[in-house]
Amino acid sequence: MKKRGACILAAALILWSSIDSFAHADNIFSDEVESISKQNNSTGGSISITYDAPAPSNRYRVEIDWGEMEFCFHPADRVWDTIELKWKEPAANAKGSWTTKSGKEFADGIPKIPVTLKNYSSSAVEAHFLTDDKDFTKTLVTLDNGITLELANGNPVVGKAVANSDPEKKGEPTTEKFLIALGGEPAVPLDNSEFQTIIPVTCIIEPAN
């Protein structure tokens, strides 16, 4: 009797240890046994792990290169009236002209600012061009001094950078070229004295929808 009692006690101890070690395992020690053998001395379970897809961590980097931004406007000639002793406006059909600061003329008479945007980001971006909080990305804007601004060329939505199919090589940024066109007839003092107008231009970058 003592021997049988010892066997039952040992089985009970193994039962407690097994429950502590293998959660949700199928416990074969739930029934009383007289002895332990290879057929009844082990129990086990399976560990199940579910993996989520890695979440993307977007990063943004954009480079903007502004081209020539200094221009000169040459108004139509005004005439000095020797009777009234004042400058008179030119004829209504007389038009002024634009050149670069160095005096180079434009083929179509319209000065344009080239802007190059390179998107190194993992997502597409959208560019907005403004002057004095007026957005001229998709519409022509006329300033108080008579000068107009509009985005004449370029898609404001710039795609994400392109990864190389070879993981050992660098990818390529997505490049978009814009042209900002100036126009209008800016107001010029009647005495033809030299003066300068500064027009602030801002490019705002946002994640594309």
Protein backbone atom coordinates (compact mmCIF):
# COMPACT_ATOMS: atom_id res chain seq x y z
CA MET A 1 0.00 0.00 0.00
CA LYS A 2 2.75 2.42 0.78
CA LYS A 3 4.31 1.91 -2.61
CA ARG A 4 1.07 2.62 -4.45
CA GLY A 5 0.45 5.72 -2.37
CA ALA A 6 3.88 7.09 -3.27
CA CYS A 7 3.16 6.58 -6.96
CA ILE A 8 -0.11 8.49 -6.75
CA LEU A 9 1.61 11.34 -4.92
CA ALA A 10 4.31 11.60 -7.56
CA ALA A 11 1.71 11.73 -10.31
CA ALA A 12 -0.08 14.54 -8.50
CA LEU A 13 3.13 16.54 -8.25
CA ILE A 14 3.80 16.13 -11.95
CA LEU A 15 0.23 17.19 -12.69
CA TRP A 16 0.70 20.48 -10.84
CA SER A 17 4.02 21.18 -12.55
CA SER A 18 2.60 20.45 -15.99
CA ILE A 19 -0.31 22.87 -15.60
CA ASP A 20 2.06 25.62 -14.55
CA SER A 21 4.39 25.10 -17.53
CA PHE A 22 2.00 24.46 -20.44
CA ALA A 23 -0.93 26.77 -20.59
CA HIS A 24 -3.86 25.44 -22.60
CA ALA A 25 -2.08 22.09 -23.09
CA ASP A 26 -3.94 18.81 -23.22
CA ASN A 27 -3.01 17.30 -19.85
CA ILE A 28 -2.66 13.52 -19.91
CA PHE A 29 -2.13 13.39 -16.12
CA SER A 30 -5.75 14.16 -15.35
CA ASP A 31 -6.41 10.45 -14.64
CA GLU A 32 -4.87 8.50 -11.82
CA VAL A 33 -2.14 6.02 -12.82
CA GLU A 34 -0.32 3.32 -10.86
CA SER A 35 3.06 3.94 -12.53
CA ILE A 36 4.79 6.33 -14.93
CA SER A 37 6.11 5.07 -18.25
CA LYS A 38 7.07 6.44 -21.63
CA GLN A 39 3.44 6.20 -22.64
CA ASN A 40 2.18 8.55 -19.94
CA ASN A 41 5.08 10.68 -18.72
CA SER A 42 4.82 13.70 -21.06
CA THR A 43 2.41 16.37 -22.16
CA GLY A 44 2.71 19.35 -24.45
CA GLY A 45 1.07 22.14 -26.39
CA SER A 46 1.71 24.49 -29.32
CA ILE A 47 2.70 28.13 -29.18
CA SER A 48 0.78 30.19 -31.74
CA ILE A 49 2.17 33.58 -32.88
CA THR A 50 0.31 35.90 -35.25
CA TYR A 51 2.35 38.54 -37.06
CA ASP A 52 0.97 41.91 -38.13
CA ALA A 53 2.15 43.46 -41.38
CA PRO A 54 4.88 46.04 -40.70
CA ALA A 55 3.38 49.54 -40.48
CA PRO A 56 4.99 52.05 -42.88
CA SER A 57 6.80 54.97 -41.31
CA ASN A 58 6.65 57.72 -43.92
CA ARG A 59 9.45 60.24 -44.22
CA TYR A 60 9.38 63.48 -46.22
CA ARG A 61 12.20 65.37 -47.89
CA VAL A 62 11.71 67.85 -50.73
CA GLU A 63 14.26 70.01 -52.52
CA ILE A 64 13.17 73.16 -54.40
CA ASP A 65 15.44 75.07 -56.77
CA TRP A 66 14.28 78.57 -57.76
CA GLY A 67 15.54 79.87 -61.10
CA GLU A 68 16.09 83.47 -62.19
CA MET A 69 13.85 85.77 -60.15
CA GLU A 70 15.15 89.24 -61.04
CA PHE A 71 13.44 91.08 -63.88
CA CYS A 72 13.12 94.56 -65.29
CA PHE A 73 9.94 96.13 -66.64
CA HIS A 74 10.31 98.80 -69.29
CA PRO A 75 7.15 100.93 -69.49
CA ALA A 76 6.06 102.62 -72.69
CA ASP A 77 7.66 106.05 -73.11
CA ARG A 78 5.97 108.99 -71.46
CA VAL A 79 6.11 112.47 -72.95
CA TRP A 80 6.98 115.70 -71.17
CA ASP A 81 4.36 118.32 -71.85
CA THR A 82 6.14 121.67 -72.16
CA ILE A 83 2.87 123.59 -71.89
CA GLU A 84 1.44 121.96 -68.77
CA LEU A 85 4.90 121.06 -67.51
CA LYS A 86 4.17 117.49 -66.52
CA TRP A 87 4.63 113.95 -67.73
CA LYS A 88 1.78 112.58 -69.80
CA GLU A 89 0.78 108.96 -70.09
CA PRO A 90 1.71 107.18 -73.34
CA ALA A 91 -0.93 106.25 -75.88
CA ALA A 92 -3.46 103.67 -74.75
CA ASN A 93 -2.14 101.05 -77.18
CA ALA A 94 1.47 101.48 -76.11
CA LYS A 95 2.75 98.52 -74.12
CA GLY A 96 5.71 98.06 -71.84
CA SER A 97 8.15 95.16 -72.07
CA TRP A 98 9.96 92.74 -69.78
CA THR A 99 13.63 91.72 -69.75
CA THR A 100 15.96 89.93 -67.40
CA LYS A 101 17.96 92.08 -65.02
CA SER A 102 20.86 91.92 -67.49
CA GLY A 103 18.60 93.14 -70.32
CA LYS A 104 17.89 89.86 -72.12
CA GLU A 105 14.48 89.86 -73.81
CA PHE A 106 11.98 87.02 -73.64
CA ALA A 107 10.89 85.27 -76.84
CA ASP A 108 7.20 85.62 -76.05
CA GLY A 109 7.59 88.77 -73.99
CA ILE A 110 6.52 86.97 -70.79
CA PRO A 111 9.06 86.50 -68.00
CA LYS A 112 8.93 83.05 -66.42
CA ILE A 113 10.54 81.70 -63.28
CA PRO A 114 11.65 78.06 -63.57
CA VAL A 115 11.16 76.05 -60.38
CA THR A 116 12.43 72.48 -59.98
CA LEU A 117 10.97 70.31 -57.22
CA LYS A 118 12.53 66.96 -56.27
CA ASN A 119 10.53 64.66 -54.01
CA TYR A 120 12.66 62.22 -52.00
CA SER A 121 9.69 61.23 -49.81
CA SER A 122 7.99 57.86 -49.37
CA SER A 123 4.66 59.47 -50.33
CA ALA A 124 3.41 61.88 -52.97
CA VAL A 125 3.28 65.58 -52.10
CA GLU A 126 1.32 68.55 -53.39
CA ALA A 127 2.86 71.97 -53.99
CA HIS A 128 0.97 75.25 -53.54
CA PHE A 129 2.42 78.55 -54.80
CA LEU A 130 1.37 81.73 -53.03
CA THR A 131 2.16 85.43 -52.91
CA ASP A 132 0.90 87.52 -50.02
CA ASP A 133 -1.41 84.63 -49.03
CA LYS A 134 -2.94 84.57 -52.54
CA ASP A 135 -2.76 81.11 -54.11
CA PHE A 136 -1.85 81.26 -57.81
CA THR A 137 -1.31 77.50 -58.23
CA LYS A 138 -4.46 77.02 -60.30
CA THR A 139 -5.60 80.56 -61.05
CA LEU A 140 -4.16 83.89 -62.14
CA VAL A 141 -3.64 86.41 -59.35
CA THR A 142 -3.42 90.17 -59.89
CA LEU A 143 -1.51 92.14 -57.28
CA ASP A 144 -2.27 95.68 -56.15
CA ASN A 145 0.59 97.07 -58.26
CA GLY A 146 -0.84 95.56 -61.46
CA ILE A 147 1.55 92.62 -61.77
CA THR A 148 0.00 89.19 -62.39
CA LEU A 149 1.26 85.78 -61.34
CA GLU A 150 0.17 82.34 -62.45
CA LEU A 151 1.56 78.81 -62.59
CA ALA A 152 2.00 78.37 -66.34
CA ASN A 153 3.37 74.83 -66.30
CA GLY A 154 3.83 71.88 -63.94
CA ASN A 155 1.65 69.38 -62.07
CA PRO A 156 1.26 70.44 -58.41
CA VAL A 157 0.97 66.78 -57.34
CA VAL A 158 4.44 65.22 -57.35
CA GLY A 159 4.71 61.45 -56.98
CA LYS A 160 6.75 59.64 -54.35
CA ALA A 161 10.39 58.70 -54.84
CA VAL A 162 10.98 55.51 -56.83
CA ALA A 163 12.84 52.68 -55.09
CA ASN A 164 15.38 50.71 -57.11
CA SER A 165 14.48 47.09 -57.86
CA ASP A 166 18.01 46.24 -56.77
CA PRO A 167 18.07 46.62 -52.96
CA GLU A 168 21.80 47.34 -53.14
CA LYS A 169 21.28 50.46 -55.26
CA LYS A 170 19.75 53.86 -54.56
CA GLY A 171 16.35 54.84 -55.83
CA GLU A 172 15.48 58.04 -57.68
CA PRO A 173 13.56 61.14 -56.54
CA THR A 174 10.54 62.18 -58.56
CA THR A 175 11.20 65.50 -60.29
CA GLU A 176 8.64 68.07 -61.44
CA LYS A 177 9.45 71.31 -63.29
CA PHE A 178 7.24 74.39 -62.91
CA LEU A 179 7.08 77.76 -64.63
CA ILE A 180 5.74 80.84 -62.85
CA ALA A 181 4.68 83.49 -65.37
CA LEU A 182 4.67 87.23 -64.65
CA GLY A 183 2.56 89.69 -66.57
CA GLY A 184 0.43 92.75 -66.39
CA GLU A 185 1.37 96.41 -66.53
CA PRO A 186 2.96 97.33 -63.18
CA ALA A 187 2.43 100.89 -62.07
CA VAL A 188 5.54 103.02 -62.64
CA PRO A 189 6.10 106.56 -61.25
CA LEU A 190 5.39 109.26 -63.82
CA ASP A 191 8.82 110.86 -63.37
CA ASN A 192 10.44 107.64 -64.68
CA SER A 193 12.67 107.42 -61.62
CA GLU A 194 14.07 103.98 -60.90
CA PHE A 195 12.26 102.00 -58.27
CA GLN A 196 12.09 98.39 -57.15
CA THR A 197 9.22 96.11 -56.24
CA ILE A 198 9.74 92.99 -54.13
CA ILE A 199 7.15 90.24 -54.55
CA PRO A 200 7.32 87.45 -51.94
CA VAL A 201 6.68 84.00 -53.38
CA THR A 202 6.11 80.96 -51.17
CA CYS A 203 5.88 77.27 -51.99
CA ILE A 204 3.92 75.23 -49.45
CA ILE A 205 4.31 71.44 -49.46
CA GLU A 206 1.56 69.15 -48.17
CA PRO A 207 0.99 65.38 -48.31
CA ALA A 208 -1.03 64.58 -51.44
CA ASN A 209 -4.52 63.15 -50.93
